[in-house]
Amino acid sequence: MDKAGTALQDVSENLLAGMAQLFAASDGAWEGETANAFYAHMGIHVALFQGAGLVVKQGKLVFDGISEVAQFLGGLIVELIDTALDLAVWILERLARYARPWIGWVQLGWDVATEGWEPVQDVIDAITDLAATVQAVFDLHDAVRSWVETIPGQLEVFQQIWGLIESIPDLGTTPILTGLEAVNIAQGAASDHADLAQQRQEAEQQATEAQQQLEELAGGVEQPGLSPELEDVTVPEVEDR
């Protein structure tokens, strides 16, 4: 996104530089209504490319946020899975120890006699911890779904860019003087001159407003961070067994 935004702004700078080179190459000879119309038309595109590049570069914030949250979720998921597996394996081993025919009851009786109720309580605690871990997984699932639902809204800004650009006069509608129109103006066709000047002024105003809207769009791009629901999902603390 950063490179794409920079590329759009580079296009703007190249257009601007080309206009300056064209003016310099003419040694000031190319002037008048035709030249003014051309520069007005090109100025629209310079403004749009510059503004669009700014929005796209700001869009990097959205993807940075998605990346950071995704990495956080990845770490949390690994912790939850590790905790659940450790608990499950410990519980299975302990239940297998006590579930053997005859000898299992003897083993349980011996453990209780030598260690008190603690061996049984350990199994109960482990099952409780496992239940809490599974619940945390479900909580994480709901929190992630809620977070994902906010992402399309963060990306709508890019759709607004294209809609805004499409609303600006393109090459076929931006007023550019033809040779005949230039002759008419030179001969004093004041009405033609006024109409063309008004059209160019309107086009330039549209370009200015569009650039302002693009800057506002860029300023409204925010990095999607961790939602409160995601922050509340924690891996249950489990004592070493």
Protein backbone atom coordinates (compact mmCIF):
# COMPACT_ATOMS: atom_id res chain seq x y z
CA MET A 1 0.00 0.00 0.00
CA ASP A 2 2.83 2.36 0.83
CA LYS A 3 4.55 1.70 -2.50
CA ALA A 4 1.29 2.03 -4.43
CA GLY A 5 0.55 5.36 -2.76
CA THR A 6 4.06 6.62 -3.49
CA ALA A 7 3.69 5.52 -7.13
CA LEU A 8 0.46 7.52 -7.50
CA GLN A 9 2.13 10.57 -6.05
CA ASP A 10 5.12 10.04 -8.34
CA VAL A 11 2.72 10.13 -11.31
CA SER A 12 1.47 13.48 -10.02
CA GLU A 13 5.02 14.80 -9.70
CA ASN A 14 5.92 13.53 -13.19
CA LEU A 15 2.90 15.26 -14.73
CA LEU A 16 3.79 18.46 -12.94
CA ALA A 17 7.41 18.21 -14.09
CA GLY A 18 6.27 17.50 -17.65
CA MET A 19 4.13 20.61 -17.65
CA ALA A 20 7.09 22.69 -16.48
CA GLN A 21 9.36 21.16 -19.12
CA LEU A 22 6.78 21.82 -21.82
CA PHE A 23 6.53 25.45 -20.78
CA ALA A 24 10.31 25.78 -20.69
CA ALA A 25 10.68 24.10 -24.09
CA SER A 26 8.32 26.61 -25.65
CA ASP A 27 10.49 29.40 -24.28
CA GLY A 28 7.34 31.14 -23.14
CA ALA A 29 5.91 31.14 -26.66
CA TRP A 30 3.03 28.78 -25.86
CA GLU A 31 0.58 30.92 -23.99
CA GLY A 32 -2.95 32.18 -24.25
CA GLU A 33 -6.27 30.35 -23.97
CA THR A 34 -5.12 27.05 -25.42
CA ALA A 35 -2.15 26.84 -23.08
CA ASN A 36 -4.24 27.90 -20.10
CA ALA A 37 -6.87 25.26 -20.88
CA PHE A 38 -4.22 22.58 -21.16
CA TYR A 39 -2.61 23.50 -17.86
CA ALA A 40 -6.04 23.62 -16.17
CA HIS A 41 -6.82 20.15 -17.47
CA MET A 42 -3.48 18.69 -16.41
CA GLY A 43 -3.74 20.40 -13.05
CA ILE A 44 -6.88 18.37 -12.34
CA HIS A 45 -4.99 15.13 -12.83
CA VAL A 46 -2.03 16.34 -10.81
CA ALA A 47 -4.35 17.10 -7.89
CA LEU A 48 -6.20 13.79 -8.16
CA PHE A 49 -3.11 11.59 -8.36
CA GLN A 50 -1.56 13.44 -5.43
CA GLY A 51 -4.68 13.09 -3.29
CA ALA A 52 -5.35 9.49 -4.24
CA GLY A 53 -1.75 8.58 -3.42
CA LEU A 54 -2.14 10.15 0.00
CA VAL A 55 -5.24 8.07 0.76
CA VAL A 56 -3.66 4.83 -0.45
CA LYS A 57 -0.54 5.44 1.65
CA GLN A 58 -2.76 6.05 4.68
CA GLY A 59 -4.52 2.80 3.84
CA LYS A 60 -1.35 1.08 4.98
CA LEU A 61 -2.57 1.77 8.52
CA VAL A 62 -5.55 -0.53 7.95
CA PHE A 63 -3.39 -3.43 6.84
CA ASP A 64 -0.83 -2.78 9.58
CA GLY A 65 -3.67 -3.04 12.09
CA ILE A 66 -5.00 -6.24 10.55
CA SER A 67 -1.50 -7.71 10.63
CA GLU A 68 -0.88 -6.81 14.27
CA VAL A 69 -4.23 -8.18 15.42
CA ALA A 70 -3.71 -11.33 13.35
CA GLN A 71 -0.32 -11.92 15.00
CA PHE A 72 -1.86 -11.38 18.43
CA LEU A 73 -4.62 -13.86 17.62
CA GLY A 74 -2.09 -16.38 16.34
CA GLY A 75 -0.16 -16.25 19.59
CA LEU A 76 -3.32 -16.48 21.67
CA ILE A 77 -4.59 -19.46 19.70
CA VAL A 78 -1.29 -21.29 20.15
CA GLU A 79 -1.44 -20.66 23.91
CA LEU A 80 -5.02 -21.91 24.12
CA ILE A 81 -4.25 -25.05 22.11
CA ASP A 82 -1.12 -25.80 24.13
CA THR A 83 -2.95 -25.32 27.40
CA ALA A 84 -5.91 -27.45 26.32
CA LEU A 85 -3.66 -30.26 25.05
CA ASP A 86 -1.53 -30.30 28.19
CA LEU A 87 -4.61 -30.48 30.38
CA ALA A 88 -6.28 -33.13 28.24
CA VAL A 89 -3.18 -35.33 28.19
CA TRP A 90 -2.70 -34.97 31.97
CA ILE A 91 -6.34 -35.83 32.63
CA LEU A 92 -6.26 -38.84 30.32
CA GLU A 93 -3.10 -40.14 31.93
CA ARG A 94 -4.53 -39.74 35.43
CA LEU A 95 -7.88 -41.29 34.52
CA ALA A 96 -6.10 -44.18 32.83
CA ARG A 97 -4.11 -44.65 36.05
CA TYR A 98 -7.30 -44.97 38.08
CA ALA A 99 -9.47 -46.68 35.46
CA ARG A 100 -7.60 -49.98 35.29
CA PRO A 101 -9.73 -52.90 36.49
CA TRP A 102 -9.20 -53.65 40.19
CA ILE A 103 -5.73 -52.21 40.39
CA GLY A 104 -7.07 -48.76 39.54
CA TRP A 105 -9.18 -48.66 42.69
CA VAL A 106 -6.23 -49.90 44.68
CA GLN A 107 -4.05 -47.14 43.21
CA LEU A 108 -6.68 -44.52 43.98
CA GLY A 109 -7.02 -45.82 47.51
CA TRP A 110 -3.28 -45.77 48.00
CA ASP A 111 -2.94 -42.22 46.60
CA VAL A 112 -5.71 -40.98 48.87
CA ALA A 113 -4.22 -42.77 51.85
CA THR A 114 -0.76 -41.34 51.28
CA GLU A 115 -1.57 -37.93 49.81
CA GLY A 116 -5.06 -37.23 51.07
CA TRP A 117 -7.84 -35.95 48.82
CA GLU A 118 -5.34 -33.98 46.71
CA PRO A 119 -5.02 -36.53 43.82
CA VAL A 120 -8.78 -36.48 43.24
CA GLN A 121 -8.94 -32.71 43.66
CA ASP A 122 -6.17 -32.39 41.08
CA VAL A 123 -8.32 -34.21 38.53
CA ILE A 124 -11.32 -32.03 39.37
CA ASP A 125 -9.22 -28.87 39.07
CA ALA A 126 -7.73 -30.00 35.76
CA ILE A 127 -11.18 -30.68 34.32
CA THR A 128 -12.33 -27.26 35.54
CA ASP A 129 -9.29 -25.62 33.91
CA LEU A 130 -9.95 -27.48 30.68
CA ALA A 131 -13.56 -26.31 30.68
CA ALA A 132 -12.37 -22.72 31.20
CA THR A 133 -9.89 -23.09 28.34
CA VAL A 134 -12.57 -24.42 26.00
CA GLN A 135 -14.83 -21.51 27.01
CA ALA A 136 -11.99 -19.11 26.20
CA VAL A 137 -11.81 -20.66 22.73
CA PHE A 138 -15.51 -19.99 22.19
CA ASP A 139 -15.11 -16.44 23.53
CA LEU A 140 -12.22 -15.91 21.12
CA HIS A 141 -14.32 -17.21 18.23
CA ASP A 142 -17.09 -14.70 18.96
CA ALA A 143 -14.61 -11.84 19.49
CA VAL A 144 -12.81 -12.57 16.20
CA ARG A 145 -16.10 -12.68 14.31
CA SER A 146 -17.07 -9.29 15.73
CA TRP A 147 -13.67 -7.85 14.84
CA VAL A 148 -13.76 -9.19 11.28
CA GLU A 149 -17.14 -7.54 10.73
CA THR A 150 -15.52 -4.13 11.30
CA ILE A 151 -12.87 -4.57 8.58
CA PRO A 152 -15.06 -3.95 5.49
CA GLY A 153 -15.92 -0.53 6.90
CA GLN A 154 -12.21 0.24 7.20
CA LEU A 155 -11.70 -0.65 3.54
CA GLU A 156 -14.64 1.37 2.19
CA VAL A 157 -12.36 4.39 1.93
CA PHE A 158 -10.78 2.87 -1.19
CA GLN A 159 -14.16 2.53 -2.89
CA GLN A 160 -14.77 6.20 -2.19
CA ILE A 161 -11.54 7.08 -4.01
CA TRP A 162 -12.76 5.62 -7.30
CA GLY A 163 -16.21 7.14 -6.94
CA LEU A 164 -14.63 10.53 -6.36
CA ILE A 165 -12.28 10.25 -9.31
CA GLU A 166 -15.11 9.17 -11.60
CA SER A 167 -17.03 12.30 -10.68
CA ILE A 168 -14.26 14.55 -12.02
CA PRO A 169 -14.25 15.62 -15.68
CA ASP A 170 -12.12 13.28 -17.75
CA LEU A 171 -10.09 13.95 -20.88
CA GLY A 172 -13.20 14.10 -23.07
CA THR A 173 -15.13 16.62 -20.99
CA THR A 174 -12.50 18.87 -19.48
CA PRO A 175 -12.58 22.08 -21.53
CA ILE A 176 -9.61 22.21 -23.87
CA LEU A 177 -9.54 24.77 -26.65
CA THR A 178 -9.40 23.64 -30.25
CA GLY A 179 -7.53 25.61 -32.89
CA LEU A 180 -10.79 27.05 -34.26
CA GLU A 181 -11.91 28.19 -30.81
CA ALA A 182 -8.58 29.90 -30.30
CA VAL A 183 -9.02 31.74 -33.59
CA ASN A 184 -12.54 32.79 -32.63
CA ILE A 185 -11.27 34.14 -29.33
CA ALA A 186 -8.49 35.98 -31.12
CA GLN A 187 -11.13 37.54 -33.34
CA GLY A 188 -13.01 38.79 -30.33
CA ALA A 189 -15.71 36.16 -29.77
CA ALA A 190 -16.26 37.31 -26.22
CA SER A 191 -19.14 34.95 -25.48
CA ASP A 192 -17.07 31.90 -26.43
CA HIS A 193 -14.26 33.17 -24.28
CA ALA A 194 -16.55 33.65 -21.30
CA ASP A 195 -18.12 30.21 -21.67
CA LEU A 196 -14.77 28.45 -21.91
CA ALA A 197 -13.36 30.42 -19.02
CA GLN A 198 -16.35 29.47 -16.90
CA GLN A 199 -16.02 25.80 -17.83
CA ARG A 200 -12.35 25.79 -16.92
CA GLN A 201 -13.07 27.57 -13.66
CA GLU A 202 -15.70 24.97 -12.78
CA ALA A 203 -13.31 22.14 -13.62
CA GLU A 204 -10.58 23.64 -11.48
CA GLN A 205 -13.03 24.11 -8.62
CA GLN A 206 -14.09 20.48 -8.90
CA ALA A 207 -10.44 19.40 -8.78
CA THR A 208 -9.80 21.51 -5.68
CA GLU A 209 -12.86 20.11 -3.93
CA ALA A 210 -11.92 16.57 -4.93
CA GLN A 211 -8.42 16.98 -3.53
CA GLN A 212 -9.88 18.31 -0.28
CA GLN A 213 -12.21 15.31 -0.08
CA LEU A 214 -9.30 12.96 -0.70
CA GLU A 215 -7.31 14.62 2.08
CA GLU A 216 -10.29 14.24 4.41
CA LEU A 217 -10.56 10.57 3.46
CA ALA A 218 -6.86 10.09 4.22
CA GLY A 219 -7.26 11.84 7.56
CA GLY A 220 -10.16 9.53 8.44
CA VAL A 221 -8.19 6.31 7.97
CA GLU A 222 -7.59 4.71 11.36
CA GLN A 223 -5.65 1.64 12.33
CA PRO A 224 -7.99 -1.14 13.52
CA GLY A 225 -6.63 -2.29 16.84
CA LEU A 226 -7.68 -4.85 19.40
CA SER A 227 -11.33 -4.57 20.33
CA PRO A 228 -12.30 -4.80 24.03
CA GLU A 229 -13.76 -8.24 23.33
CA LEU A 230 -10.41 -9.50 22.06
CA GLU A 231 -8.54 -7.97 24.97
CA ASP A 232 -10.86 -9.74 27.40
CA VAL A 233 -10.02 -13.18 26.00
CA THR A 234 -7.25 -14.65 28.14
CA VAL A 235 -5.72 -18.06 28.53
CA PRO A 236 -6.68 -19.50 31.95
CA GLU A 237 -3.74 -19.78 34.31
CA VAL A 238 -3.01 -23.42 35.02
CA GLU A 239 -0.72 -24.68 37.73
CA ASP A 240 2.09 -26.99 36.68
CA ARG A 241 1.10 -30.59 37.16
